[in-house]
């Protein structure tokens, strides 16, 4: 609602910042039901506030998929595609059969709804190369984000059909 800094008022700035924090709270609320990927912030301890850290959701997901210890992923599910996987999934209801792990396949396809930045694509490429060499990774997205377009999306009035010209 403000096309130049000359029209900027304190109330417009406050409303814009409130809108950004409302969006961030909405995102956090959507992820509350997740057991493993519910937060991207590790607050550290009361005695060591400097140990607080930030770990992007995309990094957490790729590390889990490429985890060499192969625990049963909690928030990620392998979608059965072949007869063998379908039988394993079906028999797991009656007997102890390990479900297929998302990292079992030599091709990893990640689709990011809402956009992905070049640095995130590089991070995924580097993580997969380091943790699961030989795995081919394809990162797809609805849009390639730039720093400018990411900020514009924060101010978009309709998140499903943003008014940002990306």
N, C-alpha and C. Protein backbone atom coordinates (compact mmCIF):
# COMPACT_ATOMS: atom_id res chain seq x y z
N UNK A 1 0.80 -1.20 0.00
CA UNK A 1 0.00 0.00 0.00
C UNK A 1 0.83 1.25 0.00
N UNK A 2 2.14 1.13 -0.29
CA UNK A 2 3.01 2.31 -0.28
C UNK A 2 3.98 2.19 -1.43
N UNK A 3 3.82 3.07 -2.42
CA UNK A 3 4.65 2.95 -3.62
C UNK A 3 5.96 3.71 -3.54
N UNK A 4 6.13 4.60 -2.58
CA UNK A 4 7.40 5.30 -2.42
C UNK A 4 7.61 5.65 -0.95
N UNK A 5 8.85 5.99 -0.63
CA UNK A 5 9.17 6.34 0.77
C UNK A 5 8.52 7.65 1.18
N UNK A 6 8.11 8.47 0.22
CA UNK A 6 7.45 9.73 0.55
C UNK A 6 6.06 9.48 1.15
N UNK A 7 5.42 8.40 0.74
CA UNK A 7 4.08 8.07 1.25
C UNK A 7 4.12 7.18 2.48
N UNK A 8 5.29 6.82 2.95
CA UNK A 8 5.42 5.91 4.08
C UNK A 8 5.10 6.62 5.39
N UNK A 9 4.20 6.02 6.13
CA UNK A 9 3.87 6.54 7.46
C UNK A 9 4.24 5.49 8.49
N UNK A 10 4.28 5.92 9.72
CA UNK A 10 4.59 4.99 10.80
C UNK A 10 3.55 3.88 10.88
N UNK A 11 2.29 4.23 10.66
CA UNK A 11 1.22 3.23 10.72
C UNK A 11 1.35 2.21 9.59
N UNK A 12 1.69 2.65 8.38
CA UNK A 12 1.86 1.73 7.25
C UNK A 12 3.03 0.78 7.50
N UNK A 13 4.12 1.30 8.05
CA UNK A 13 5.29 0.46 8.36
C UNK A 13 4.95 -0.55 9.45
N UNK A 14 4.24 -0.11 10.48
CA UNK A 14 3.83 -1.01 11.55
C UNK A 14 2.91 -2.10 11.02
N UNK A 15 1.97 -1.74 10.17
CA UNK A 15 1.05 -2.73 9.59
C UNK A 15 1.81 -3.75 8.74
N UNK A 16 2.79 -3.28 7.97
CA UNK A 16 3.58 -4.19 7.13
C UNK A 16 4.38 -5.18 7.99
N UNK A 17 5.02 -4.68 9.03
CA UNK A 17 5.81 -5.55 9.91
C UNK A 17 4.89 -6.52 10.65
N UNK A 18 3.75 -6.05 11.10
CA UNK A 18 2.78 -6.94 11.74
C UNK A 18 2.34 -8.05 10.78
N UNK A 19 2.13 -7.70 9.52
CA UNK A 19 1.75 -8.69 8.52
C UNK A 19 2.83 -9.75 8.31
N UNK A 20 4.08 -9.33 8.30
CA UNK A 20 5.19 -10.29 8.15
C UNK A 20 5.22 -11.25 9.33
N UNK A 21 5.12 -10.72 10.55
CA UNK A 21 5.16 -11.59 11.73
C UNK A 21 3.92 -12.49 11.80
N UNK A 22 2.78 -12.01 11.32
CA UNK A 22 1.58 -12.85 11.26
C UNK A 22 1.82 -14.03 10.31
N UNK A 23 2.45 -13.76 9.17
CA UNK A 23 2.77 -14.83 8.21
C UNK A 23 3.74 -15.84 8.82
N UNK A 24 4.75 -15.36 9.52
CA UNK A 24 5.72 -16.26 10.16
C UNK A 24 5.05 -17.12 11.23
N UNK A 25 4.13 -16.53 12.01
CA UNK A 25 3.41 -17.31 13.02
C UNK A 25 2.52 -18.35 12.35
N UNK A 26 1.90 -18.01 11.23
CA UNK A 26 1.07 -18.97 10.51
C UNK A 26 1.89 -20.15 10.01
N UNK A 27 3.08 -19.87 9.51
CA UNK A 27 3.98 -20.94 9.05
C UNK A 27 4.35 -21.83 10.22
N UNK A 28 4.70 -21.23 11.35
CA UNK A 28 5.07 -22.01 12.53
C UNK A 28 3.90 -22.87 13.01
N UNK A 29 2.68 -22.34 12.96
CA UNK A 29 1.50 -23.09 13.40
C UNK A 29 1.26 -24.29 12.49
N UNK A 30 1.48 -24.15 11.21
CA UNK A 30 1.28 -25.26 10.28
C UNK A 30 2.26 -26.38 10.59
N UNK A 31 3.47 -26.03 11.00
CA UNK A 31 4.50 -27.05 11.25
C UNK A 31 4.47 -27.61 12.66
N UNK A 32 3.58 -27.15 13.52
CA UNK A 32 3.54 -27.61 14.91
C UNK A 32 3.23 -29.10 15.02
N UNK A 33 2.47 -29.67 14.09
CA UNK A 33 2.11 -31.09 14.18
C UNK A 33 3.27 -32.01 13.81
N UNK A 34 4.30 -31.46 13.21
CA UNK A 34 5.46 -32.27 12.84
C UNK A 34 6.25 -32.63 14.08
N UNK A 35 6.80 -33.81 14.08
CA UNK A 35 7.57 -34.27 15.22
C UNK A 35 9.05 -33.94 15.08
N UNK A 36 9.55 -34.03 13.87
CA UNK A 36 10.98 -33.86 13.65
C UNK A 36 11.33 -32.48 13.06
N UNK A 37 10.50 -31.97 12.19
CA UNK A 37 10.81 -30.73 11.47
C UNK A 37 9.94 -29.57 11.93
N UNK A 38 9.68 -29.47 13.22
CA UNK A 38 8.79 -28.44 13.70
C UNK A 38 9.47 -27.08 13.89
N UNK A 39 10.79 -27.03 13.88
CA UNK A 39 11.46 -25.76 14.12
C UNK A 39 12.75 -25.64 13.31
N UNK A 40 13.07 -24.41 12.94
CA UNK A 40 14.34 -24.16 12.25
C UNK A 40 15.31 -23.42 13.18
N UNK A 41 14.86 -23.18 14.42
CA UNK A 41 15.67 -22.45 15.38
C UNK A 41 15.95 -23.32 16.60
N UNK A 42 17.23 -23.39 16.96
CA UNK A 42 17.64 -24.06 18.18
C UNK A 42 18.07 -22.97 19.15
N UNK A 43 17.29 -22.71 20.20
CA UNK A 43 17.57 -21.56 21.05
C UNK A 43 18.83 -21.68 21.90
N UNK A 44 19.44 -22.84 21.98
CA UNK A 44 20.61 -23.01 22.84
C UNK A 44 20.15 -23.19 24.28
N UNK A 45 21.03 -22.94 25.21
CA UNK A 45 20.68 -23.09 26.63
C UNK A 45 20.65 -21.73 27.31
N UNK A 46 20.13 -21.70 28.52
CA UNK A 46 20.07 -20.44 29.27
C UNK A 46 21.45 -19.89 29.58
N UNK A 47 22.43 -20.79 29.76
CA UNK A 47 23.77 -20.34 30.11
C UNK A 47 24.61 -20.01 28.87
N UNK A 48 24.25 -20.58 27.73
CA UNK A 48 25.02 -20.35 26.50
C UNK A 48 24.10 -19.85 25.39
N UNK A 49 23.68 -18.60 25.50
CA UNK A 49 22.80 -18.02 24.49
C UNK A 49 23.50 -17.93 23.13
N UNK A 50 24.82 -17.86 23.14
CA UNK A 50 25.57 -17.77 21.89
C UNK A 50 25.51 -19.07 21.10
N UNK A 51 25.07 -20.17 21.72
CA UNK A 51 25.02 -21.44 21.01
C UNK A 51 23.72 -21.61 20.22
N UNK A 52 22.87 -20.58 20.21
CA UNK A 52 21.65 -20.63 19.42
C UNK A 52 22.02 -20.75 17.94
N UNK A 53 21.23 -21.53 17.22
CA UNK A 53 21.56 -21.74 15.82
C UNK A 53 20.31 -21.81 14.96
N UNK A 54 20.51 -21.64 13.69
CA UNK A 54 19.45 -21.69 12.68
C UNK A 54 19.78 -22.81 11.72
N UNK A 55 18.82 -23.69 11.46
CA UNK A 55 19.03 -24.79 10.53
C UNK A 55 17.83 -24.83 9.58
N UNK A 56 18.05 -24.47 8.32
CA UNK A 56 16.93 -24.39 7.37
C UNK A 56 16.18 -25.72 7.24
N UNK A 57 14.88 -25.62 7.00
CA UNK A 57 14.05 -26.81 6.86
C UNK A 57 14.53 -27.70 5.73
N UNK A 58 14.89 -27.11 4.61
CA UNK A 58 15.36 -27.89 3.48
C UNK A 58 16.61 -28.68 3.84
N UNK A 59 17.51 -28.09 4.61
CA UNK A 59 18.72 -28.78 5.04
C UNK A 59 18.37 -29.94 5.97
N UNK A 60 17.44 -29.73 6.89
CA UNK A 60 17.02 -30.79 7.80
C UNK A 60 16.45 -31.97 7.02
N UNK A 61 15.63 -31.68 6.02
CA UNK A 61 15.00 -32.75 5.24
C UNK A 61 16.03 -33.54 4.45
N UNK A 62 16.94 -32.85 3.78
CA UNK A 62 17.96 -33.54 2.99
C UNK A 62 18.87 -34.36 3.89
N UNK A 63 19.26 -33.83 5.05
CA UNK A 63 20.09 -34.60 5.97
C UNK A 63 19.36 -35.86 6.44
N UNK A 64 18.06 -35.77 6.68
CA UNK A 64 17.30 -36.94 7.10
C UNK A 64 17.21 -37.98 5.99
N UNK A 65 16.98 -37.53 4.77
CA UNK A 65 16.88 -38.46 3.64
C UNK A 65 18.22 -39.14 3.39
N UNK A 66 19.31 -38.41 3.57
CA UNK A 66 20.65 -38.95 3.29
C UNK A 66 21.33 -39.48 4.55
N UNK A 67 20.59 -39.70 5.62
CA UNK A 67 21.17 -40.15 6.88
C UNK A 67 21.70 -41.58 6.73
N UNK A 68 23.00 -41.78 6.95
CA UNK A 68 23.57 -43.12 6.79
C UNK A 68 23.10 -44.10 7.88
N UNK A 69 22.67 -43.59 9.03
CA UNK A 69 22.19 -44.47 10.10
C UNK A 69 20.80 -45.03 9.81
N UNK A 70 20.12 -44.42 8.89
CA UNK A 70 18.84 -44.86 8.36
C UNK A 70 17.77 -45.15 9.42
N UNK A 71 17.51 -44.21 10.32
CA UNK A 71 16.38 -44.45 11.21
C UNK A 71 15.08 -44.30 10.42
N UNK A 72 14.02 -44.79 10.99
CA UNK A 72 12.74 -44.66 10.33
C UNK A 72 12.33 -43.19 10.36
N UNK A 73 12.23 -42.53 9.22
CA UNK A 73 11.87 -41.11 9.24
C UNK A 73 10.46 -40.91 9.77
N UNK A 74 10.31 -39.89 10.58
CA UNK A 74 9.03 -39.65 11.24
C UNK A 74 8.12 -38.79 10.35
N UNK A 75 8.63 -37.69 9.82
CA UNK A 75 7.82 -36.75 9.07
C UNK A 75 7.94 -36.92 7.55
N UNK A 76 8.73 -37.88 7.11
CA UNK A 76 8.92 -38.12 5.67
C UNK A 76 8.44 -39.52 5.38
N UNK A 77 7.72 -39.66 4.28
CA UNK A 77 7.22 -40.98 3.93
C UNK A 77 7.59 -41.32 2.50
N UNK A 78 8.02 -42.55 2.32
CA UNK A 78 8.33 -43.07 0.98
C UNK A 78 7.02 -43.46 0.33
N UNK A 79 6.79 -42.99 -0.89
CA UNK A 79 5.58 -43.35 -1.62
C UNK A 79 5.89 -44.57 -2.46
N UNK A 80 5.13 -45.64 -2.23
CA UNK A 80 5.37 -46.89 -2.94
C UNK A 80 5.10 -46.72 -4.43
N UNK A 81 6.04 -47.22 -5.23
CA UNK A 81 5.87 -47.06 -6.67
C UNK A 81 5.88 -48.39 -7.41
N UNK A 82 6.56 -49.37 -6.88
CA UNK A 82 6.64 -50.65 -7.55
C UNK A 82 5.92 -51.72 -6.76
N UNK A 83 5.82 -52.90 -7.34
CA UNK A 83 5.14 -54.01 -6.70
C UNK A 83 5.84 -54.43 -5.40
N UNK A 84 7.18 -54.44 -5.42
CA UNK A 84 7.94 -54.82 -4.22
C UNK A 84 7.66 -53.87 -3.08
N UNK A 85 7.72 -52.55 -3.37
CA UNK A 85 7.45 -51.56 -2.32
C UNK A 85 6.02 -51.66 -1.83
N UNK A 86 5.09 -51.90 -2.74
CA UNK A 86 3.69 -52.02 -2.36
C UNK A 86 3.47 -53.22 -1.44
N UNK A 87 4.12 -54.34 -1.75
CA UNK A 87 4.00 -55.53 -0.91
C UNK A 87 4.62 -55.30 0.47
N UNK A 88 5.80 -54.63 0.50
CA UNK A 88 6.44 -54.33 1.79
C UNK A 88 5.54 -53.47 2.64
N UNK A 89 4.94 -52.47 2.03
CA UNK A 89 4.06 -51.57 2.77
C UNK A 89 2.84 -52.31 3.28
N UNK A 90 2.26 -53.18 2.44
CA UNK A 90 1.08 -53.93 2.84
C UNK A 90 1.38 -54.94 3.93
N UNK A 91 2.49 -55.65 3.83
CA UNK A 91 2.84 -56.65 4.84
C UNK A 91 3.27 -56.01 6.15
N UNK A 92 3.71 -54.76 6.12
CA UNK A 92 4.15 -54.11 7.34
C UNK A 92 3.00 -53.94 8.33
N UNK A 93 1.76 -54.03 7.84
CA UNK A 93 0.61 -53.93 8.73
C UNK A 93 0.47 -55.20 9.57
N UNK A 94 0.95 -56.35 9.07
CA UNK A 94 0.77 -57.62 9.75
C UNK A 94 2.04 -58.15 10.41
N UNK A 95 3.17 -57.80 9.90
CA UNK A 95 4.43 -58.31 10.44
C UNK A 95 5.48 -57.21 10.41
N UNK A 96 6.58 -57.44 11.10
CA UNK A 96 7.66 -56.44 11.20
C UNK A 96 8.46 -56.43 9.89
N UNK A 97 8.10 -55.51 9.02
CA UNK A 97 8.82 -55.32 7.76
C UNK A 97 9.22 -53.84 7.72
N UNK A 98 10.48 -53.59 7.48
CA UNK A 98 10.94 -52.21 7.41
C UNK A 98 10.36 -51.54 6.17
N UNK A 99 9.78 -50.37 6.41
CA UNK A 99 9.28 -49.60 5.28
C UNK A 99 10.47 -49.11 4.48
N UNK A 100 10.28 -48.91 3.18
CA UNK A 100 11.37 -48.35 2.38
C UNK A 100 11.74 -46.96 2.89
N UNK A 101 13.01 -46.67 2.89
CA UNK A 101 13.51 -45.36 3.31
C UNK A 101 13.54 -44.45 2.09
N UNK A 102 13.18 -43.18 2.23
CA UNK A 102 13.20 -42.27 1.08
C UNK A 102 14.57 -42.17 0.41
N UNK A 103 15.64 -42.45 1.14
CA UNK A 103 16.97 -42.38 0.56
C UNK A 103 17.43 -43.65 -0.13
N UNK A 104 16.56 -44.66 -0.20
CA UNK A 104 16.94 -45.92 -0.85
C UNK A 104 17.12 -45.79 -2.35
N UNK A 105 16.42 -44.89 -2.95
CA UNK A 105 16.43 -44.76 -4.40
C UNK A 105 17.62 -43.92 -4.84
N UNK A 106 18.23 -44.24 -5.99
CA UNK A 106 19.40 -43.47 -6.46
C UNK A 106 19.04 -42.10 -7.05
N UNK A 107 17.74 -41.80 -7.13
CA UNK A 107 17.29 -40.50 -7.66
C UNK A 107 16.44 -39.83 -6.59
N UNK A 108 16.83 -38.61 -6.21
CA UNK A 108 16.10 -37.84 -5.22
C UNK A 108 15.50 -36.63 -5.92
N UNK A 109 14.18 -36.51 -5.88
CA UNK A 109 13.50 -35.36 -6.49
C UNK A 109 12.89 -34.53 -5.37
N UNK A 110 13.25 -33.27 -5.33
CA UNK A 110 12.73 -32.35 -4.33
C UNK A 110 11.99 -31.24 -5.06
N UNK A 111 10.73 -31.02 -4.69
CA UNK A 111 9.95 -29.93 -5.28
C UNK A 111 9.59 -28.96 -4.18
N UNK A 112 10.01 -27.72 -4.35
CA UNK A 112 9.76 -26.68 -3.35
C UNK A 112 8.62 -25.79 -3.83
N UNK A 113 7.49 -25.90 -3.15
CA UNK A 113 6.36 -25.04 -3.46
C UNK A 113 6.63 -23.66 -2.88
N UNK A 114 6.46 -22.64 -3.66
CA UNK A 114 6.66 -21.28 -3.18
C UNK A 114 8.00 -20.69 -3.54
N UNK A 115 8.92 -21.50 -4.01
CA UNK A 115 10.18 -20.97 -4.48
C UNK A 115 11.39 -21.54 -3.78
N UNK A 116 12.50 -21.46 -4.47
CA UNK A 116 13.78 -21.92 -3.96
C UNK A 116 14.84 -20.94 -4.47
N UNK A 117 15.85 -20.70 -3.65
CA UNK A 117 16.93 -19.80 -4.07
C UNK A 117 18.09 -20.62 -4.62
N UNK A 118 18.97 -19.95 -5.33
CA UNK A 118 20.15 -20.61 -5.89
C UNK A 118 21.03 -21.17 -4.78
N UNK A 119 21.15 -20.44 -3.68
CA UNK A 119 21.99 -20.93 -2.58
C UNK A 119 21.39 -22.18 -1.95
N UNK A 120 20.06 -22.29 -1.90
CA UNK A 120 19.44 -23.51 -1.38
C UNK A 120 19.69 -24.70 -2.30
N UNK A 121 19.64 -24.48 -3.60
CA UNK A 121 19.91 -25.55 -4.55
C UNK A 121 21.35 -26.02 -4.39
N UNK A 122 22.29 -25.09 -4.23
CA UNK A 122 23.69 -25.46 -4.04
C UNK A 122 23.87 -26.23 -2.72
N UNK A 123 23.19 -25.80 -1.67
CA UNK A 123 23.27 -26.49 -0.39
C UNK A 123 22.80 -27.94 -0.53
N UNK A 124 21.68 -28.15 -1.23
CA UNK A 124 21.16 -29.50 -1.44
C UNK A 124 22.17 -30.33 -2.22
N UNK A 125 22.71 -29.77 -3.29
CA UNK A 125 23.70 -30.47 -4.13
C UNK A 125 24.91 -30.88 -3.29
N UNK A 126 25.43 -29.96 -2.49
CA UNK A 126 26.61 -30.25 -1.67
C UNK A 126 26.32 -31.29 -0.58
N UNK A 127 25.15 -31.18 0.06
CA UNK A 127 24.80 -32.15 1.10
C UNK A 127 24.65 -33.56 0.55
N UNK A 128 23.98 -33.68 -0.59
CA UNK A 128 23.78 -35.00 -1.19
C UNK A 128 25.12 -35.58 -1.64
N UNK A 129 25.97 -34.75 -2.23
CA UNK A 129 27.28 -35.23 -2.68
C UNK A 129 28.14 -35.70 -1.51
N UNK A 130 28.04 -35.01 -0.36
CA UNK A 130 28.85 -35.37 0.80
C UNK A 130 28.28 -36.57 1.55
N UNK A 131 26.98 -36.66 1.69
CA UNK A 131 26.37 -37.69 2.53
C UNK A 131 25.93 -38.94 1.78
N UNK A 132 25.63 -38.81 0.50
CA UNK A 132 25.14 -39.96 -0.27
C UNK A 132 25.67 -39.87 -1.69
N UNK A 133 26.99 -40.04 -1.86
CA UNK A 133 27.57 -39.94 -3.20
C UNK A 133 26.95 -40.97 -4.14
N UNK A 134 26.81 -40.58 -5.38
CA UNK A 134 26.22 -41.47 -6.37
C UNK A 134 24.73 -41.26 -6.52
N UNK A 135 24.13 -40.49 -5.63
CA UNK A 135 22.71 -40.20 -5.74
C UNK A 135 22.52 -38.97 -6.61
N UNK A 136 21.65 -39.09 -7.57
CA UNK A 136 21.33 -37.96 -8.44
C UNK A 136 20.20 -37.18 -7.79
N UNK A 137 20.33 -35.86 -7.75
CA UNK A 137 19.31 -35.03 -7.12
C UNK A 137 18.78 -34.03 -8.15
N UNK A 138 17.46 -33.89 -8.16
CA UNK A 138 16.81 -32.91 -9.03
C UNK A 138 15.99 -32.02 -8.11
N UNK A 139 16.26 -30.72 -8.16
CA UNK A 139 15.52 -29.75 -7.36
C UNK A 139 14.62 -28.96 -8.30
N UNK A 140 13.33 -29.05 -8.05
CA UNK A 140 12.34 -28.34 -8.84
C UNK A 140 11.63 -27.34 -7.93
N UNK A 141 11.07 -26.31 -8.53
CA UNK A 141 10.37 -25.33 -7.73
C UNK A 141 9.35 -24.59 -8.58
N UNK A 142 8.41 -23.96 -7.90
CA UNK A 142 7.42 -23.17 -8.60
C UNK A 142 8.02 -21.86 -9.11
N UNK A 143 9.11 -21.40 -8.50
CA UNK A 143 9.79 -20.17 -8.94
C UNK A 143 11.21 -20.16 -8.38
N UNK A 144 12.11 -19.55 -9.11
CA UNK A 144 13.48 -19.35 -8.63
C UNK A 144 13.52 -17.99 -7.93
N UNK A 145 13.78 -18.00 -6.63
CA UNK A 145 13.74 -16.78 -5.84
C UNK A 145 15.05 -16.00 -5.91
N UNK A 146 14.91 -14.71 -5.95
CA UNK A 146 16.04 -13.79 -5.80
C UNK A 146 15.85 -13.11 -4.45
N UNK A 147 16.89 -12.46 -3.92
CA UNK A 147 16.69 -11.76 -2.64
C UNK A 147 15.55 -10.74 -2.71
N UNK A 148 15.44 -10.05 -3.82
CA UNK A 148 14.39 -9.04 -3.98
C UNK A 148 13.01 -9.70 -4.02
N UNK A 149 12.86 -10.78 -4.77
CA UNK A 149 11.54 -11.42 -4.89
C UNK A 149 11.11 -12.09 -3.59
N UNK A 150 12.07 -12.58 -2.81
CA UNK A 150 11.72 -13.20 -1.53
C UNK A 150 11.13 -12.16 -0.58
N UNK A 151 11.70 -10.97 -0.55
CA UNK A 151 11.16 -9.90 0.29
C UNK A 151 9.80 -9.45 -0.23
N UNK A 152 9.65 -9.36 -1.56
CA UNK A 152 8.36 -8.97 -2.13
C UNK A 152 7.26 -9.97 -1.75
N UNK A 153 7.61 -11.26 -1.70
CA UNK A 153 6.61 -12.26 -1.33
C UNK A 153 6.15 -12.11 0.12
N UNK A 154 7.02 -11.61 0.99
CA UNK A 154 6.62 -11.35 2.37
C UNK A 154 5.53 -10.29 2.44
N UNK A 155 5.55 -9.34 1.49
CA UNK A 155 4.58 -8.26 1.49
C UNK A 155 3.38 -8.54 0.59
N UNK A 156 3.35 -9.70 -0.07
CA UNK A 156 2.24 -10.02 -0.97
C UNK A 156 0.95 -10.12 -0.18
N UNK A 157 -0.11 -9.55 -0.73
CA UNK A 157 -1.38 -9.57 -0.01
C UNK A 157 -2.07 -10.93 -0.10
N UNK A 158 -1.88 -11.66 -1.20
CA UNK A 158 -2.48 -12.99 -1.36
C UNK A 158 -1.35 -13.97 -1.62
N UNK A 159 -1.03 -14.82 -0.63
CA UNK A 159 0.12 -15.72 -0.74
C UNK A 159 -0.02 -16.75 -1.86
N UNK A 160 -1.27 -17.14 -2.18
CA UNK A 160 -1.47 -18.13 -3.22
C UNK A 160 -1.34 -17.53 -4.62
N UNK A 161 -1.64 -16.23 -4.73
CA UNK A 161 -1.47 -15.53 -5.99
C UNK A 161 -0.79 -14.21 -5.68
N UNK A 162 0.53 -14.26 -5.44
CA UNK A 162 1.22 -13.04 -4.96
C UNK A 162 1.20 -11.94 -6.01
N UNK A 163 1.21 -10.72 -5.49
CA UNK A 163 1.24 -9.57 -6.39
C UNK A 163 2.67 -9.17 -6.78
N UNK A 164 3.65 -9.94 -6.31
CA UNK A 164 5.04 -9.68 -6.65
C UNK A 164 5.28 -10.08 -8.11
N UNK A 165 6.00 -9.27 -8.80
CA UNK A 165 6.30 -9.55 -10.21
C UNK A 165 7.67 -10.22 -10.28
N UNK A 166 7.66 -11.54 -10.20
CA UNK A 166 8.90 -12.30 -10.19
C UNK A 166 9.14 -12.92 -11.54
